[in-house]
Amino acid sequence: MNIGDVKATIRQGGHSLDEARKGIEQVNGRLTDVSALALATLTDSHHDLTEKARATLAEAKHEIELVVRRLEEAREHAQKYSATLG
């Protein structure tokens, strides 16, 4: 595999990362909508299951943030590596 092939593969990977980010952002939008409805429904409830539901929704949001950050980091690293190749 020559440098041109490697750079082409990195570009393809970058496109895949962009698509993955779009998908995650769609999931995040849906999670935001569902969370708003669920939290409105759970207002004033302090049952153990409602507390677990709140925690689970917060954890899901945090996980999405982590995935987006990892995708951005991967994209940055790929661009830097491609630039290093010349």
Protein backbone atom coordinates (compact mmCIF):
# COMPACT_ATOMS: atom_id res chain seq x y z
CA MET A 1 0.00 0.00 0.00
CA ASN A 2 1.47 3.34 -0.99
CA ILE A 3 1.02 6.71 0.76
CA GLY A 4 -1.75 7.72 -1.63
CA ASP A 5 -3.69 4.58 -0.73
CA VAL A 6 -3.17 5.22 2.98
CA LYS A 7 -4.40 8.81 2.65
CA ALA A 8 -7.44 7.64 0.66
CA THR A 9 -8.24 5.14 3.41
CA ILE A 10 -7.89 7.87 6.03
CA ARG A 11 -10.27 10.09 4.02
CA GLN A 12 -12.80 7.25 3.84
CA GLY A 13 -12.44 6.80 7.58
CA GLY A 14 -13.06 10.51 8.05
CA HIS A 15 -16.26 10.27 6.04
CA SER A 16 -17.34 7.32 8.16
CA LEU A 17 -16.63 9.32 11.31
CA ASP A 18 -18.74 12.18 9.97
CA GLU A 19 -21.62 9.80 9.27
CA ALA A 20 -21.29 8.27 12.72
CA ARG A 21 -21.38 11.72 14.30
CA LYS A 22 -24.55 12.60 12.35
CA GLY A 23 -26.18 9.41 13.60
CA ILE A 24 -25.16 10.06 17.19
CA GLU A 25 -26.45 13.63 16.95
CA GLN A 26 -29.82 12.28 15.77
CA VAL A 27 -29.88 9.88 18.70
CA ASN A 28 -29.00 12.76 21.02
CA GLY A 29 -31.91 14.80 19.67
CA ARG A 30 -34.31 11.92 20.25
CA LEU A 31 -32.89 11.33 23.72
CA THR A 32 -33.38 15.01 24.56
CA ASP A 33 -37.03 14.81 23.48
CA VAL A 34 -37.68 11.57 25.35
CA SER A 35 -35.86 12.84 28.44
CA ALA A 36 -37.95 16.01 28.53
CA LEU A 37 -41.16 13.98 28.36
CA ALA A 38 -40.00 11.44 30.90
CA LEU A 39 -38.73 14.05 33.35
CA ALA A 40 -41.98 16.01 33.03
CA THR A 41 -43.90 12.83 33.77
CA LEU A 42 -41.70 12.04 36.76
CA THR A 43 -41.98 15.52 38.28
CA ASP A 44 -42.50 15.44 42.03
CA SER A 45 -41.98 11.69 42.18
CA HIS A 46 -39.27 10.40 44.48
CA HIS A 47 -39.88 6.68 44.07
CA ASP A 48 -36.74 4.55 43.73
CA LEU A 49 -37.59 3.64 40.14
CA THR A 50 -38.05 7.28 39.13
CA GLU A 51 -34.68 8.15 40.66
CA LYS A 52 -33.13 5.28 38.68
CA ALA A 53 -34.85 6.52 35.52
CA ARG A 54 -33.46 10.02 36.02
CA ALA A 55 -29.99 8.62 36.61
CA THR A 56 -30.22 6.39 33.54
CA LEU A 57 -31.27 9.30 31.33
CA ALA A 58 -28.39 11.42 32.64
CA GLU A 59 -25.97 8.54 32.07
CA ALA A 60 -27.19 8.09 28.49
CA LYS A 61 -26.64 11.79 27.79
CA HIS A 62 -23.14 11.55 29.26
CA GLU A 63 -22.32 8.50 27.13
CA ILE A 64 -23.44 10.30 23.98
CA GLU A 65 -21.19 13.23 24.89
CA LEU A 66 -18.28 10.82 25.29
CA VAL A 67 -18.94 9.20 21.92
CA VAL A 68 -19.09 12.59 20.19
CA ARG A 69 -15.82 13.60 21.84
CA ARG A 70 -14.15 10.34 20.78
CA LEU A 71 -15.35 10.78 17.20
CA GLU A 72 -13.96 14.32 17.13
CA GLU A 73 -10.64 13.15 18.55
CA ALA A 74 -10.41 10.34 16.02
CA ARG A 75 -11.11 12.80 13.20
CA GLU A 76 -8.42 15.19 14.47
CA HIS A 77 -5.85 12.41 14.82
CA ALA A 78 -6.61 11.09 11.36
CA GLN A 79 -6.19 14.56 9.85
CA LYS A 80 -2.89 15.09 11.67
CA TYR A 81 -1.59 11.70 10.56
CA SER A 82 -2.64 12.37 6.98
CA ALA A 83 -0.88 15.75 7.09
CA THR A 84 2.26 14.07 8.46
CA LEU A 85 2.28 11.72 5.48
CA GLY A 86 2.49 14.71 3.18
